[in-house]
PDB file of N, CA and C in Angstrom:
ATOM      1  N   MET A   1     274.774 242.566 333.711  1.00  0.00           N
ATOM      2  CA  MET A   1     274.722 243.322 333.390  1.00  0.00           C
ATOM      3  C   MET A   1     275.227 244.150 334.670  1.00  0.00           C
ATOM      4  N   THR A   2     276.199 244.594 335.191  1.00  0.00           N
ATOM      5  CA  THR A   2     277.342 245.860 335.971  1.00  0.00           C
ATOM      6  C   THR A   2     275.986 246.516 336.600  1.00  0.00           C
ATOM      7  N   THR A   3     276.387 245.677 338.164  1.00  0.00           N
ATOM      8  CA  THR A   3     276.097 246.966 339.473  1.00  0.00           C
ATOM      9  C   THR A   3     276.206 247.843 339.729  1.00  0.00           C
ATOM     10  N   SER A   4     278.165 247.607 340.147  1.00  0.00           N
ATOM     11  CA  SER A   4     279.016 248.185 340.342  1.00  0.00           C
ATOM     12  C   SER A   4     279.325 249.348 339.005  1.00  0.00           C
ATOM     13  N   ALA A   5     279.746 250.506 339.705  1.00  0.00           N
ATOM     14  CA  ALA A   5     280.189 251.999 339.198  1.00  0.00           C
ATOM     15  C   ALA A   5     282.272 251.917 338.526  1.00  0.00           C
ATOM     16  N   GLU A   6     281.820 250.819 338.944  1.00  0.00           N
ATOM     17  CA  GLU A   6     284.087 250.340 338.481  1.00  0.00           C
ATOM     18  C   GLU A   6     283.822 249.939 336.652  1.00  0.00           C
ATOM     19  N   PRO A   7     284.808 249.813 336.120  1.00  0.00           N
ATOM     20  CA  PRO A   7     285.394 249.620 334.709  1.00  0.00           C
ATOM     21  C   PRO A   7     285.593 248.029 335.223  1.00  0.00           C
ATOM     22  N   LEU A   8     285.106 247.115 333.801  1.00  0.00           N
ATOM     23  CA  LEU A   8     285.198 245.723 333.458  1.00  0.00           C
ATOM     24  C   LEU A   8     286.719 245.950 333.289  1.00  0.00           C
ATOM     25  N   THR A   9     287.654 244.934 333.844  1.00  0.00           N
ATOM     26  CA  THR A   9     288.884 244.328 332.881  1.00  0.00           C
ATOM     27  C   THR A   9     289.407 243.174 333.543  1.00  0.00           C
ATOM     28  N   SER A  10     289.875 242.985 332.001  1.00  0.00           N
ATOM     29  CA  SER A  10     290.402 242.071 331.744  1.00  0.00           C
ATOM     30  C   SER A  10     291.608 241.046 332.131  1.00  0.00           C
ATOM     31  N   ALA A  11     291.425 239.903 332.342  1.00  0.00           N
ATOM     32  CA  ALA A  11     292.888 239.191 332.918  1.00  0.00           C
ATOM     33  C   ALA A  11     292.918 238.074 332.127  1.00  0.00           C
ATOM     34  N   ARG A  12     294.486 238.245 332.260  1.00  0.00           N
ATOM     35  CA  ARG A  12     294.979 237.616 331.952  1.00  0.00           C
ATOM     36  C   ARG A  12     294.856 235.525 331.917  1.00  0.00           C
ATOM     37  N   PRO A  13     294.212 235.095 331.106  1.00  0.00           N
ATOM     38  CA  PRO A  13     293.820 233.607 331.727  1.00  0.00           C
ATOM     39  C   PRO A  13     295.241 232.577 332.238  1.00  0.00           C
ATOM     40  N   TRP A  14     294.630 232.195 333.192  1.00  0.00           N
ATOM     41  CA  TRP A  14     295.318 231.453 334.181  1.00  0.00           C
ATOM     42  C   TRP A  14     296.384 230.101 333.412  1.00  0.00           C
ATOM     43  N   GLY A  15     296.213 230.279 332.845  1.00  0.00           N
ATOM     44  CA  GLY A  15     296.646 228.605 332.067  1.00  0.00           C
ATOM     45  C   GLY A  15     297.405 228.866 330.529  1.00  0.00           C
ATOM     46  N   ALA A  16     297.618 230.199 330.696  1.00  0.00           N
ATOM     47  CA  ALA A  16     298.491 231.561 329.500  1.00  0.00           C
ATOM     48  C   ALA A  16     300.106 231.284 329.427  1.00  0.00           C
ATOM     49  N   GLY A  17     300.299 231.264 331.629  1.00  0.00           N
ATOM     50  CA  GLY A  17     301.585 231.649 331.087  1.00  0.00           C
ATOM     51  C   GLY A  17     302.134 229.544 331.506  1.00  0.00           C
ATOM     52  N   ARG A  18     301.510 229.325 331.151  1.00  0.00           N
ATOM     53  CA  ARG A  18     301.588 227.011 330.960  1.00  0.00           C
ATOM     54  C   ARG A  18     302.704 226.914 329.366  1.00  0.00           C
ATOM     55  N   LEU A  19     301.800 227.706 328.597  1.00  0.00           N
ATOM     56  CA  LEU A  19     302.089 227.413 327.326  1.00  0.00           C
ATOM     57  C   LEU A  19     302.955 227.224 326.267  1.00  0.00           C
ATOM     58  N   ALA A  20     303.628 226.742 326.027  1.00  0.00           N
ATOM     59  CA  ALA A  20     304.735 226.923 325.362  1.00  0.00           C
ATOM     60  C   ALA A  20     305.046 226.742 323.685  1.00  0.00           C
ATOM     61  N   PRO A  21     306.381 226.755 323.088  1.00  0.00           N
ATOM     62  CA  PRO A  21     306.105 226.318 321.500  1.00  0.00           C
ATOM     63  C   PRO A  21     306.046 225.060 321.200  1.00  0.00           C
ATOM     64  N   TYR A  22     305.221 224.673 320.147  1.00  0.00           N
ATOM     65  CA  TYR A  22     304.724 223.005 319.746  1.00  0.00           C
ATOM     66  C   TYR A  22     306.582 222.780 319.132  1.00  0.00           C
ATOM     67  N   PRO A  23     307.080 221.688 319.155  1.00  0.00           N
ATOM     68  CA  PRO A  23     307.635 221.013 319.345  1.00  0.00           C
ATOM     69  C   PRO A  23     308.259 220.781 317.836  1.00  0.00           C
ATOM     70  N   ALA A  24     309.490 221.020 317.839  1.00  0.00           N
ATOM     71  CA  ALA A  24     309.829 220.330 315.929  1.00  0.00           C
ATOM     72  C   ALA A  24     309.210 219.204 316.177  1.00  0.00           C
ATOM     73  N   THR A  25     308.095 219.276 314.557  1.00  0.00           N
ATOM     74  CA  THR A  25     307.932 218.162 313.786  1.00  0.00           C
ATOM     75  C   THR A  25     308.902 217.052 312.889  1.00  0.00           C
ATOM     76  N   VAL A  26     308.189 215.520 313.616  1.00  0.00           N
ATOM     77  CA  VAL A  26     309.047 214.766 312.594  1.00  0.00           C
ATOM     78  C   VAL A  26     308.365 214.136 311.792  1.00  0.00           C
ATOM     79  N   ARG A  27     309.109 213.822 310.885  1.00  0.00           N
ATOM     80  CA  ARG A  27     308.557 213.010 309.429  1.00  0.00           C
ATOM     81  C   ARG A  27     308.215 211.809 309.661  1.00  0.00           C
ATOM     82  N   ARG A  28     307.603 211.411 309.703  1.00  0.00           N
ATOM     83  CA  ARG A  28     307.072 209.708 309.610  1.00  0.00           C
ATOM     84  C   ARG A  28     307.516 209.237 308.354  1.00  0.00           C
ATOM     85  N   PRO A  29     307.815 207.550 308.967  1.00  0.00           N
ATOM     86  CA  PRO A  29     308.268 206.927 307.358  1.00  0.00           C
ATOM     87  C   PRO A  29     306.593 205.842 306.365  1.00  0.00           C
ATOM     88  N   HIS A  30     305.677 206.579 307.210  1.00  0.00           N
ATOM     89  CA  HIS A  30     304.497 205.986 305.809  1.00  0.00           C
ATOM     90  C   HIS A  30     303.802 207.806 306.204  1.00  0.00           C
ATOM     91  N   ALA A  31     302.527 207.048 304.937  1.00  0.00           N
ATOM     92  CA  ALA A  31     301.713 207.568 304.268  1.00  0.00           C
ATOM     93  C   ALA A  31     300.521 207.697 304.374  1.00  0.00           C
ATOM     94  N   THR A  32     300.217 206.294 304.355  1.00  0.00           N
ATOM     95  CA  THR A  32     298.588 206.297 304.464  1.00  0.00           C
ATOM     96  C   THR A  32     298.588 204.551 305.639  1.00  0.00           C
ATOM     97  N   VAL A  33     297.684 204.123 306.148  1.00  0.00           N
ATOM     98  CA  VAL A  33     297.251 203.099 307.248  1.00  0.00           C
ATOM     99  C   VAL A  33     295.941 202.450 306.690  1.00  0.00           C
ATOM    100  N   THR A  34     295.881 201.598 306.720  1.00  0.00           N
ATOM    101  CA  THR A  34     295.170 200.590 306.051  1.00  0.00           C
ATOM    102  C   THR A  34     294.768 198.888 307.471  1.00  0.00           C
ATOM    103  N   ILE A  35     294.094 198.814 307.404  1.00  0.00           N
ATOM    104  CA  ILE A  35     293.836 196.872 307.683  1.00  0.00           C
ATOM    105  C   ILE A  35     293.966 195.839 307.169  1.00  0.00           C
ATOM    106  N   ASP A  36     294.247 195.126 306.614  1.00  0.00           N
ATOM    107  CA  ASP A  36     294.545 194.180 306.494  1.00  0.00           C
ATOM    108  C   ASP A  36     293.446 193.291 306.855  1.00  0.00           C
ATOM    109  N   PRO A  37     292.415 193.472 305.460  1.00  0.00           N
ATOM    110  CA  PRO A  37     291.354 192.167 306.255  1.00  0.00           C
ATOM    111  C   PRO A  37     291.493 190.772 306.272  1.00  0.00           C
ATOM    112  N   GLU A  38     292.227 190.571 305.880  1.00  0.00           N
ATOM    113  CA  GLU A  38     292.968 189.258 306.924  1.00  0.00           C
ATOM    114  C   GLU A  38     293.149 189.094 308.149  1.00  0.00           C
ATOM    115  N   THR A  39     294.173 189.439 308.405  1.00  0.00           N
ATOM    116  CA  THR A  39     295.127 189.452 309.727  1.00  0.00           C
ATOM    117  C   THR A  39     294.036 191.214 310.372  1.00  0.00           C
ATOM    118  N   GLN A  40     293.926 191.797 310.374  1.00  0.00           N
ATOM    119  CA  GLN A  40     292.918 192.506 310.999  1.00  0.00           C
ATOM    120  C   GLN A  40     294.292 193.924 311.195  1.00  0.00           C
ATOM    121  N   ALA A  41     295.517 193.972 310.427  1.00  0.00           N
ATOM    122  CA  ALA A  41     296.657 194.124 311.295  1.00  0.00           C
ATOM    123  C   ALA A  41     296.326 195.489 310.597  1.00  0.00           C
ATOM    124  N   GLY A  42     296.995 196.918 311.290  1.00  0.00           N
ATOM    125  CA  GLY A  42     296.937 197.861 310.980  1.00  0.00           C
ATOM    126  C   GLY A  42     298.027 197.501 309.324  1.00  0.00           C
ATOM    127  N   VAL A  43     298.234 198.257 307.923  1.00  0.00           N
ATOM    128  CA  VAL A  43     299.157 197.807 306.844  1.00  0.00           C
ATOM    129  C   VAL A  43     299.466 199.925 306.860  1.00  0.00           C
ATOM    130  N   TYR A  44     301.070 200.074 307.021  1.00  0.00           N
ATOM    131  CA  TYR A  44     301.661 200.741 306.983  1.00  0.00           C
ATOM    132  C   TYR A  44     302.804 201.221 305.873  1.00  0.00           C
ATOM    133  N   ARG A  45     301.859 202.121 305.104  1.00  0.00           N
ATOM    134  CA  ARG A  45     302.049 201.583 303.505  1.00  0.00           C
ATOM    135  C   ARG A  45     303.477 203.412 303.166  1.00  0.00           C
ATOM    136  N   ASP A  46     303.945 204.200 301.823  1.00  0.00           N
ATOM    137  CA  ASP A  46     304.711 205.286 302.292  1.00  0.00           C
ATOM    138  C   ASP A  46     304.530 205.587 301.356  1.00  0.00           C
ATOM    139  N   ARG A  47     304.730 207.056 300.329  1.00  0.00           N
ATOM    140  CA  ARG A  47     304.275 207.484 300.067  1.00  0.00           C
ATOM    141  C   ARG A  47     303.885 207.336 298.003  1.00  0.00           C
ATOM    142  N   PHE A  48     305.161 206.145 298.476  1.00  0.00           N
ATOM    143  CA  PHE A  48     305.519 205.784 297.123  1.00  0.00           C
ATOM    144  C   PHE A  48     304.070 204.417 296.605  1.00  0.00           C
ATOM    145  N   GLY A  49     303.292 203.815 298.029  1.00  0.00           N
ATOM    146  CA  GLY A  49     302.437 202.760 298.159  1.00  0.00           C
ATOM    147  C   GLY A  49     303.641 201.754 298.903  1.00  0.00           C
ATOM    148  N   HIS A  50     304.444 201.641 298.519  1.00  0.00           N
ATOM    149  CA  HIS A  50     305.088 200.247 299.820  1.00  0.00           C
ATOM    150  C   HIS A  50     305.076 200.000 301.309  1.00  0.00           C
ATOM    151  N   VAL A  51     305.551 199.191 300.998  1.00  0.00           N
ATOM    152  CA  VAL A  51     304.752 198.603 302.297  1.00  0.00           C
ATOM    153  C   VAL A  51     306.084 198.942 303.494  1.00  0.00           C
ATOM    154  N   VAL A  52     306.020 199.345 304.730  1.00  0.00           N
ATOM    155  CA  VAL A  52     306.955 200.583 306.044  1.00  0.00           C
ATOM    156  C   VAL A  52     306.605 199.445 307.281  1.00  0.00           C
ATOM    157  N   GLU A  53     307.650 198.936 307.559  1.00  0.00           N
ATOM    158  CA  GLU A  53     307.482 198.118 308.683  1.00  0.00           C
ATOM    159  C   GLU A  53     308.024 198.791 309.445  1.00  0.00           C
ATOM    160  N   MET A  54     306.548 199.256 311.079  1.00  0.00           N
ATOM    161  CA  MET A  54     306.562 199.568 312.081  1.00  0.00           C
ATOM    162  C   MET A  54     307.437 199.293 313.105  1.00  0.00           C
ATOM    163  N   GLY A  55     307.555 197.909 313.578  1.00  0.00           N
ATOM    164  CA  GLY A  55     308.160 197.561 313.955  1.00  0.00           C
ATOM    165  C   GLY A  55     306.413 196.326 315.012  1.00  0.00           C
ATOM    166  N   LYS A  56     307.483 195.403 316.374  1.00  0.00           N
ATOM    167  CA  LYS A  56     306.461 194.939 316.944  1.00  0.00           C
ATOM    168  C   LYS A  56     305.410 195.380 317.732  1.00  0.00           C
ATOM    169  N   HIS A  57     304.123 194.793 317.851  1.00  0.00           N
ATOM    170  CA  HIS A  57     303.310 195.297 319.516  1.00  0.00           C
ATOM    171  C   HIS A  57     303.023 194.352 319.521  1.00  0.00           C
ATOM    172  N   GLY A  58     303.114 194.431 321.238  1.00  0.00           N
ATOM    173  CA  GLY A  58     302.421 192.978 321.648  1.00  0.00           C
ATOM    174  C   GLY A  58     301.369 193.542 322.330  1.00  0.00           C
ATOM    175  N   THR A  59     300.109 192.192 322.451  1.00  0.00           N
ATOM    176  CA  THR A  59     299.164 192.506 322.679  1.00  0.00           C
ATOM    177  C   THR A  59     298.586 192.198 324.409  1.00  0.00           C
ATOM    178  N   SER A  60     297.901 192.691 325.115  1.00  0.00           N
ATOM    179  CA  SER A  60     297.838 192.388 325.953  1.00  0.00           C
ATOM    180  C   SER A  60     296.199 192.687 326.706  1.00  0.00           C
ATOM    181  N   SER A  61     295.930 191.586 327.852  1.00  0.00           N
ATOM    182  CA  SER A  61     294.693 191.654 328.336  1.00  0.00           C
ATOM    183  C   SER A  61     295.255 191.299 329.706  1.00  0.00           C
ATOM    184  N   ALA A  62     294.256 191.763 330.866  1.00  0.00           N
ATOM    185  CA  ALA A  62     293.992 191.391 332.043  1.00  0.00           C
ATOM    186  C   ALA A  62     292.746 192.016 333.062  1.00  0.00           C
ATOM    187  N   THR A  63     292.412 191.174 333.829  1.00  0.00           N
ATOM    188  CA  THR A  63     291.321 190.950 334.191  1.00  0.00           C
ATOM    189  C   THR A  63     291.611 191.500 335.759  1.00  0.00           C
ATOM    190  N   GLU A  64     290.319 191.785 336.500  1.00  0.00           N
ATOM    191  CA  GLU A  64     289.917 192.376 337.713  1.00  0.00           C
ATOM    192  C   GLU A  64     289.135 192.230 337.973  1.00  0.00           C
ATOM    193  N   THR A  65     289.010 191.218 339.698  1.00  0.00           N
ATOM    194  CA  THR A  65     287.799 189.960 340.328  1.00  0.00           C
ATOM    195  C   THR A  65     287.873 191.480 341.834  1.00  0.00           C
ATOM    196  N   SER A  66     286.173 192.546 341.351  1.00  0.00           N
ATOM    197  CA  SER A  66     286.814 193.088 343.101  1.00  0.00           C
ATOM    198  C   SER A  66     285.414 192.140 344.136  1.00  0.00           C
ATOM    199  N   THR A  67     286.240 192.227 345.641  1.00  0.00           N
ATOM    200  CA  THR A  67     285.488 191.424 346.387  1.00  0.00           C
ATOM    201  C   THR A  67     285.230 192.129 347.549  1.00  0.00           C
ATOM    202  N   THR A  68     283.733 191.504 348.314  1.00  0.00           N
ATOM    203  CA  THR A  68     283.527 192.564 349.053  1.00  0.00           C
ATOM    204  C   THR A  68     282.889 191.730 350.304  1.00  0.00           C
ATOM    205  N   THR A  69     283.420 191.746 351.719  1.00  0.00           N
ATOM    206  CA  THR A  69     282.742 191.242 352.784  1.00  0.00           C
ATOM    207  C   THR A  69     282.161 191.711 353.644  1.00  0.00           C
ATOM    208  N   ASN A  70     280.758 191.219 354.290  1.00  0.00           N
ATOM    209  CA  ASN A  70     280.305 192.665 354.940  1.00  0.00           C
ATOM    210  C   ASN A  70     279.440 193.503 355.117  1.00  0.00           C
ATOM    211  N   SER A  71     279.291 193.308 353.832  1.00  0.00           N
ATOM    212  CA  SER A  71     278.252 194.386 352.826  1.00  0.00           C
ATOM    213  C   SER A  71     276.981 195.156 353.959  1.00  0.00           C
ATOM    214  N   ASP A  72     276.609 194.721 354.780  1.00  0.00           N
ATOM    215  CA  ASP A  72     275.214 195.733 355.684  1.00  0.00           C
ATOM    216  C   ASP A  72     276.168 196.525 356.708  1.00  0.00           C
ATOM    217  N   SER A  73     277.092 197.009 356.716  1.00  0.00           N
ATOM    218  CA  SER A  73     278.141 197.430 357.534  1.00  0.00           C
ATOM    219  C   SER A  73     279.155 198.555 356.550  1.00  0.00           C
ATOM    220  N   ALA A  74     280.087 198.335 357.727  1.00  0.00           N
ATOM    221  CA  ALA A  74     281.035 198.759 357.135  1.00  0.00           C
ATOM    222  C   ALA A  74     281.859 197.844 356.346  1.00  0.00           C
ATOM    223  N   PRO A  75     282.158 197.785 354.773  1.00  0.00           N
ATOM    224  CA  PRO A  75     282.512 196.987 353.929  1.00  0.00           C
ATOM    225  C   PRO A  75     284.536 196.817 354.225  1.00  0.00           C
ATOM    226  N   ASP A  76     284.718 195.115 354.221  1.00  0.00           N
ATOM    227  CA  ASP A  76     286.303 194.932 353.807  1.00  0.00           C
ATOM    228  C   ASP A  76     286.056 195.305 352.214  1.00  0.00           C
ATOM    229  N   GLN A  77     287.131 195.475 351.203  1.00  0.00           N
ATOM    230  CA  GLN A  77     286.996 195.146 349.882  1.00  0.00           C
ATOM    231  C   GLN A  77     288.140 194.840 349.523  1.00  0.00           C
ATOM    232  N   GLY A  78     288.477 194.423 348.887  1.00  0.00           N
ATOM    233  CA  GLY A  78     289.031 193.861 348.319  1.00  0.00           C
ATOM    234  C   GLY A  78     289.932 193.922 346.949  1.00  0.00           C
ATOM    235  N   HIS A  79     290.747 193.470 346.002  1.00  0.00           N
ATOM    236  CA  HIS A  79     291.016 193.370 344.430  1.00  0.00           C
ATOM    237  C   HIS A  79     291.886 191.997 344.093  1.00  0.00           C
ATOM    238  N   ASP A  80     291.637 191.433 342.793  1.00  0.00           N
ATOM    239  CA  ASP A  80     292.431 190.486 342.594  1.00  0.00           C
ATOM    240  C   ASP A  80     292.625 191.176 341.110  1.00  0.00           C
ATOM    241  N   GLN A  81     294.000 191.128 340.944  1.00  0.00           N
ATOM    242  CA  GLN A  81     293.916 191.512 338.946  1.00  0.00           C
ATOM    243  C   GLN A  81     295.456 190.037 338.406  1.00  0.00           C
ATOM    244  N   ASP A  82     294.608 189.633 337.118  1.00  0.00           N
ATOM    245  CA  ASP A  82     295.974 189.238 336.299  1.00  0.00           C
ATOM    246  C   ASP A  82     296.372 189.691 335.209  1.00  0.00           C
ATOM    247  N   SER A  83     297.265 189.270 334.084  1.00  0.00           N
ATOM    248  CA  SER A  83     297.241 190.058 333.158  1.00  0.00           C
ATOM    249  C   SER A  83     298.480 189.176 332.440  1.00  0.00           C
ATOM    250  N   GLN A  84     298.001 188.903 331.096  1.00  0.00           N
ATOM    251  CA  GLN A  84     298.902 188.478 329.885  1.00  0.00           C
ATOM    252  C   GLN A  84     299.727 188.825 328.923  1.00  0.00           C
ATOM    253  N   GLN A  85     300.527 189.174 328.909  1.00  0.00           N
ATOM    254  CA  GLN A  85     302.028 190.603 327.765  1.00  0.00           C
ATOM    255  C   GLN A  85     302.033 189.335 326.287  1.00  0.00           C
ATOM    256  N   ASP A  86     301.662 188.968 325.691  1.00  0.00           N
ATOM    257  CA  ASP A  86     302.339 188.441 324.034  1.00  0.00           C
ATOM    258  C   ASP A  86     303.035 189.165 323.553  1.00  0.00           C
ATOM    259  N   GLU A  87     303.905 189.006 322.853  1.00  0.00           N
ATOM    260  CA  GLU A  87     305.171 189.986 322.304  1.00  0.00           C
ATOM    261  C   GLU A  87     305.130 189.584 321.480  1.00  0.00           C
TER     262      GLU A  87
END
């Protein structure tokens, strides 16, 4: 409920000025993706059912270890990182 005698005015949403048309769409070479039960990899097929090669993608794993010293007052923190990339 409004306590003022002034009429409500509508405002343009702040993000409306940031909107832009969607970019042109690109037709992808595959129509479906299934999982191969033996390899657990995605199998891409075109609209005729033929397997489509989608390129090679590597896998990676990483770990991070946090270290803390002097935990009863102003702690001094650091961390270690390592990663492995399989192509």
